Amino acid sequence: MMIAGVFWGLLLFNAELSVFAWVAFGVIIVGMYLVESKSWNEEPVIQRSFL
């Protein structure tokens, strides 16, 4: 959603971002990629040993 907001701002308001802002935007995108939840194809199984 944030990505769409940035691009709508560029299109509708004729905004121009500085190089620093583009770098910060890229860091945010990379961070979102690193913390996104992974989809599991199967249920996780907890294996315990009681011995």
PDB file of N, CA and C in Angstrom:
ATOM      1  N   MET A   1       0.813  -1.193   0.000  1.00  0.00           N
ATOM      2  CA  MET A   1       0.000   0.000   0.000  1.00  0.00           C
ATOM      3  C   MET A   1       0.858   1.259   0.000  1.00  0.00           C
ATOM      4  N   MET A   2       1.946   1.209   0.753  1.00  0.00           N
ATOM      5  CA  MET A   2       2.811   2.382   0.824  1.00  0.00           C
ATOM      6  C   MET A   2       3.395   2.701  -0.541  1.00  0.00           C
ATOM      7  N   ILE A   3       3.737   1.662  -1.283  1.00  0.00           N
ATOM      8  CA  ILE A   3       4.324   1.863  -2.603  1.00  0.00           C
ATOM      9  C   ILE A   3       3.350   2.603  -3.507  1.00  0.00           C
ATOM     10  N   ALA A   4       2.081   2.187  -3.461  1.00  0.00           N
ATOM     11  CA  ALA A   4       1.059   2.852  -4.283  1.00  0.00           C
ATOM     12  C   ALA A   4       0.919   4.315  -3.889  1.00  0.00           C
ATOM     13  N   GLY A   5       0.999   4.605  -2.586  1.00  0.00           N
ATOM     14  CA  GLY A   5       0.881   5.991  -2.127  1.00  0.00           C
ATOM     15  C   GLY A   5       2.000   6.866  -2.652  1.00  0.00           C
ATOM     16  N   VAL A   6       3.197   6.333  -2.684  1.00  0.00           N
ATOM     17  CA  VAL A   6       4.332   7.107  -3.197  1.00  0.00           C
ATOM     18  C   VAL A   6       4.140   7.395  -4.683  1.00  0.00           C
ATOM     19  N   PHE A   7       3.752   6.389  -5.440  1.00  0.00           N
ATOM     20  CA  PHE A   7       3.598   6.600  -6.882  1.00  0.00           C
ATOM     21  C   PHE A   7       2.390   7.476  -7.214  1.00  0.00           C
ATOM     22  N   TRP A   8       1.297   7.369  -6.448  1.00  0.00           N
ATOM     23  CA  TRP A   8       0.163   8.270  -6.667  1.00  0.00           C
ATOM     24  C   TRP A   8       0.575   9.710  -6.355  1.00  0.00           C
ATOM     25  N   GLY A   9       1.380   9.892  -5.333  1.00  0.00           N
ATOM     26  CA  GLY A   9       1.862  11.236  -5.022  1.00  0.00           C
ATOM     27  C   GLY A   9       2.709  11.805  -6.151  1.00  0.00           C
ATOM     28  N   LEU A  10       3.532  10.943  -6.739  1.00  0.00           N
ATOM     29  CA  LEU A  10       4.356  11.393  -7.864  1.00  0.00           C
ATOM     30  C   LEU A  10       3.489  11.776  -9.061  1.00  0.00           C
ATOM     31  N   LEU A  11       2.454  10.994  -9.326  1.00  0.00           N
ATOM     32  CA  LEU A  11       1.604  11.246 -10.500  1.00  0.00           C
ATOM     33  C   LEU A  11       0.634  12.404 -10.285  1.00  0.00           C
ATOM     34  N   LEU A  12      -0.076  12.397  -9.170  1.00  0.00           N
ATOM     35  CA  LEU A  12      -1.142  13.377  -8.971  1.00  0.00           C
ATOM     36  C   LEU A  12      -0.633  14.751  -8.556  1.00  0.00           C
ATOM     37  N   PHE A  13       0.380  14.788  -7.731  1.00  0.00           N
ATOM     38  CA  PHE A  13       0.850  16.056  -7.184  1.00  0.00           C
ATOM     39  C   PHE A  13       2.124  16.555  -7.844  1.00  0.00           C
ATOM     40  N   ASN A  14       2.590  15.839  -8.854  1.00  0.00           N
ATOM     41  CA  ASN A  14       3.799  16.210  -9.578  1.00  0.00           C
ATOM     42  C   ASN A  14       4.973  16.377  -8.608  1.00  0.00           C
ATOM     43  N   ALA A  15       5.049  15.454  -7.652  1.00  0.00           N
ATOM     44  CA  ALA A  15       6.098  15.524  -6.631  1.00  0.00           C
ATOM     45  C   ALA A  15       7.421  15.025  -7.197  1.00  0.00           C
ATOM     46  N   GLU A  16       8.486  15.545  -6.672  1.00  0.00           N
ATOM     47  CA  GLU A  16       9.828  15.101  -7.043  1.00  0.00           C
ATOM     48  C   GLU A  16      10.571  14.741  -5.777  1.00  0.00           C
ATOM     49  N   LEU A  17      11.092  13.516  -5.734  1.00  0.00           N
ATOM     50  CA  LEU A  17      11.817  13.059  -4.554  1.00  0.00           C
ATOM     51  C   LEU A  17      13.314  13.224  -4.769  1.00  0.00           C
ATOM     52  N   SER A  18      13.996  13.560  -3.689  1.00  0.00           N
ATOM     53  CA  SER A  18      15.449  13.694  -3.759  1.00  0.00           C
ATOM     54  C   SER A  18      16.090  12.310  -3.788  1.00  0.00           C
ATOM     55  N   VAL A  19      17.371  12.263  -4.061  1.00  0.00           N
ATOM     56  CA  VAL A  19      18.103  11.000  -4.075  1.00  0.00           C
ATOM     57  C   VAL A  19      18.042  10.360  -2.694  1.00  0.00           C
ATOM     58  N   PHE A  20      18.160  11.184  -1.646  1.00  0.00           N
ATOM     59  CA  PHE A  20      18.087  10.672  -0.278  1.00  0.00           C
ATOM     60  C   PHE A  20      16.738  10.001  -0.022  1.00  0.00           C
ATOM     61  N   ALA A  21      15.661  10.595  -0.505  1.00  0.00           N
ATOM     62  CA  ALA A  21      14.326  10.021  -0.314  1.00  0.00           C
ATOM     63  C   ALA A  21      14.184   8.707  -1.073  1.00  0.00           C
ATOM     64  N   TRP A  22      14.736   8.616  -2.283  1.00  0.00           N
ATOM     65  CA  TRP A  22      14.674   7.362  -3.039  1.00  0.00           C
ATOM     66  C   TRP A  22      15.472   6.257  -2.353  1.00  0.00           C
ATOM     67  N   VAL A  23      16.616   6.614  -1.784  1.00  0.00           N
ATOM     68  CA  VAL A  23      17.417   5.626  -1.048  1.00  0.00           C
ATOM     69  C   VAL A  23      16.642   5.148   0.180  1.00  0.00           C
ATOM     70  N   ALA A  24      16.027   6.070   0.907  1.00  0.00           N
ATOM     71  CA  ALA A  24      15.239   5.696   2.073  1.00  0.00           C
ATOM     72  C   ALA A  24      14.065   4.810   1.663  1.00  0.00           C
ATOM     73  N   PHE A  25      13.429   5.122   0.552  1.00  0.00           N
ATOM     74  CA  PHE A  25      12.326   4.318   0.032  1.00  0.00           C
ATOM     75  C   PHE A  25      12.815   2.912  -0.303  1.00  0.00           C
ATOM     76  N   GLY A  26      13.972   2.801  -0.908  1.00  0.00           N
ATOM     77  CA  GLY A  26      14.547   1.492  -1.227  1.00  0.00           C
ATOM     78  C   GLY A  26      14.871   0.685   0.011  1.00  0.00           C
ATOM     79  N   VAL A  27      15.388   1.348   1.042  1.00  0.00           N
ATOM     80  CA  VAL A  27      15.692   0.653   2.302  1.00  0.00           C
ATOM     81  C   VAL A  27      14.410   0.123   2.933  1.00  0.00           C
ATOM     82  N   ILE A  28      13.349   0.895   2.870  1.00  0.00           N
ATOM     83  CA  ILE A  28      12.065   0.454   3.418  1.00  0.00           C
ATOM     84  C   ILE A  28      11.547  -0.761   2.656  1.00  0.00           C
ATOM     85  N   ILE A  29      11.645  -0.732   1.330  1.00  0.00           N
ATOM     86  CA  ILE A  29      11.173  -1.859   0.516  1.00  0.00           C
ATOM     87  C   ILE A  29      11.966  -3.116   0.833  1.00  0.00           C
ATOM     88  N   VAL A  30      13.284  -2.994   0.946  1.00  0.00           N
ATOM     89  CA  VAL A  30      14.121  -4.154   1.285  1.00  0.00           C
ATOM     90  C   VAL A  30      13.757  -4.671   2.673  1.00  0.00           C
ATOM     91  N   GLY A  31      13.542  -3.780   3.621  1.00  0.00           N
ATOM     92  CA  GLY A  31      13.146  -4.187   4.966  1.00  0.00           C
ATOM     93  C   GLY A  31      11.813  -4.910   4.976  1.00  0.00           C
ATOM     94  N   MET A  32      10.856  -4.433   4.186  1.00  0.00           N
ATOM     95  CA  MET A  32       9.557  -5.104   4.103  1.00  0.00           C
ATOM     96  C   MET A  32       9.708  -6.498   3.508  1.00  0.00           C
ATOM     97  N   TYR A  33      10.589  -6.644   2.541  1.00  0.00           N
ATOM     98  CA  TYR A  33      10.832  -7.961   1.939  1.00  0.00           C
ATOM     99  C   TYR A  33      11.432  -8.918   2.963  1.00  0.00           C
ATOM    100  N   LEU A  34      12.348  -8.416   3.778  1.00  0.00           N
ATOM    101  CA  LEU A  34      13.026  -9.280   4.739  1.00  0.00           C
ATOM    102  C   LEU A  34      12.124  -9.733   5.876  1.00  0.00           C
ATOM    103  N   VAL A  35      11.126  -8.961   6.251  1.00  0.00           N
ATOM    104  CA  VAL A  35      10.281  -9.321   7.383  1.00  0.00           C
ATOM    105  C   VAL A  35       8.915  -9.866   6.981  1.00  0.00           C
ATOM    106  N   GLU A  36       8.654 -10.017   5.692  1.00  0.00           N
ATOM    107  CA  GLU A  36       7.344 -10.527   5.293  1.00  0.00           C
ATOM    108  C   GLU A  36       7.165 -11.955   5.777  1.00  0.00           C
ATOM    109  N   SER A  37       5.921 -12.316   6.062  1.00  0.00           N
ATOM    110  CA  SER A  37       5.653 -13.661   6.564  1.00  0.00           C
ATOM    111  C   SER A  37       5.743 -14.657   5.417  1.00  0.00           C
ATOM    112  N   LYS A  38       6.282 -15.794   5.725  1.00  0.00           N
ATOM    113  CA  LYS A  38       6.415 -16.852   4.733  1.00  0.00           C
ATOM    114  C   LYS A  38       5.174 -17.732   4.782  1.00  0.00           C
ATOM    115  N   SER A  39       4.698 -18.147   3.642  1.00  0.00           N
ATOM    116  CA  SER A  39       3.543 -19.035   3.626  1.00  0.00           C
ATOM    117  C   SER A  39       4.009 -20.471   3.837  1.00  0.00           C
ATOM    118  N   TRP A  40       3.292 -21.182   4.665  1.00  0.00           N
ATOM    119  CA  TRP A  40       3.628 -22.564   4.977  1.00  0.00           C
ATOM    120  C   TRP A  40       2.748 -23.477   4.146  1.00  0.00           C
ATOM    121  N   ASN A  41       3.346 -24.467   3.503  1.00  0.00           N
ATOM    122  CA  ASN A  41       2.579 -25.434   2.725  1.00  0.00           C
ATOM    123  C   ASN A  41       1.988 -26.520   3.609  1.00  0.00           C
ATOM    124  N   GLU A  42       2.540 -26.690   4.779  1.00  0.00           N
ATOM    125  CA  GLU A  42       2.050 -27.713   5.690  1.00  0.00           C
ATOM    126  C   GLU A  42       2.063 -27.164   7.108  1.00  0.00           C
ATOM    127  N   GLU A  43       1.335 -27.817   7.971  1.00  0.00           N
ATOM    128  CA  GLU A  43       1.293 -27.406   9.364  1.00  0.00           C
ATOM    129  C   GLU A  43       2.639 -27.686  10.031  1.00  0.00           C
ATOM    130  N   PRO A  44       3.114 -26.778  10.850  1.00  0.00           N
ATOM    131  CA  PRO A  44       4.373 -27.052  11.562  1.00  0.00           C
ATOM    132  C   PRO A  44       4.174 -28.166  12.601  1.00  0.00           C
ATOM    133  N   VAL A  45       5.167 -29.014  12.733  1.00  0.00           N
ATOM    134  CA  VAL A  45       5.113 -30.130  13.667  1.00  0.00           C
ATOM    135  C   VAL A  45       6.172 -29.900  14.746  1.00  0.00           C
ATOM    136  N   ILE A  46       5.735 -29.949  15.982  1.00  0.00           N
ATOM    137  CA  ILE A  46       6.665 -29.793  17.104  1.00  0.00           C
ATOM    138  C   ILE A  46       7.033 -31.184  17.584  1.00  0.00           C
ATOM    139  N   GLN A  47       8.310 -31.510  17.536  1.00  0.00           N
ATOM    140  CA  GLN A  47       8.771 -32.820  17.979  1.00  0.00           C
ATOM    141  C   GLN A  47       9.501 -32.631  19.293  1.00  0.00           C
ATOM    142  N   ARG A  48       9.017 -33.339  20.319  1.00  0.00           N
ATOM    143  CA  ARG A  48       9.631 -33.258  21.641  1.00  0.00           C
ATOM    144  C   ARG A  48      10.082 -34.628  22.102  1.00  0.00           C
ATOM    145  N   SER A  49      11.129 -34.640  22.842  1.00  0.00           N
ATOM    146  CA  SER A  49      11.610 -35.872  23.449  1.00  0.00           C
ATOM    147  C   SER A  49      11.474 -35.718  24.957  1.00  0.00           C
ATOM    148  N   PHE A  50      10.728 -36.623  25.584  1.00  0.00           N
ATOM    149  CA  PHE A  50      10.503 -36.556  27.015  1.00  0.00           C
ATOM    150  C   PHE A  50      11.456 -37.458  27.797  1.00  0.00           C
ATOM    151  N   LEU A  51      12.507 -37.908  27.191  1.00  0.00           N
ATOM    152  CA  LEU A  51      13.472 -38.781  27.885  1.00  0.00           C
ATOM    153  C   LEU A  51      14.672 -37.999  28.321  1.00  0.00           C
TER     154      LEU A  51
END
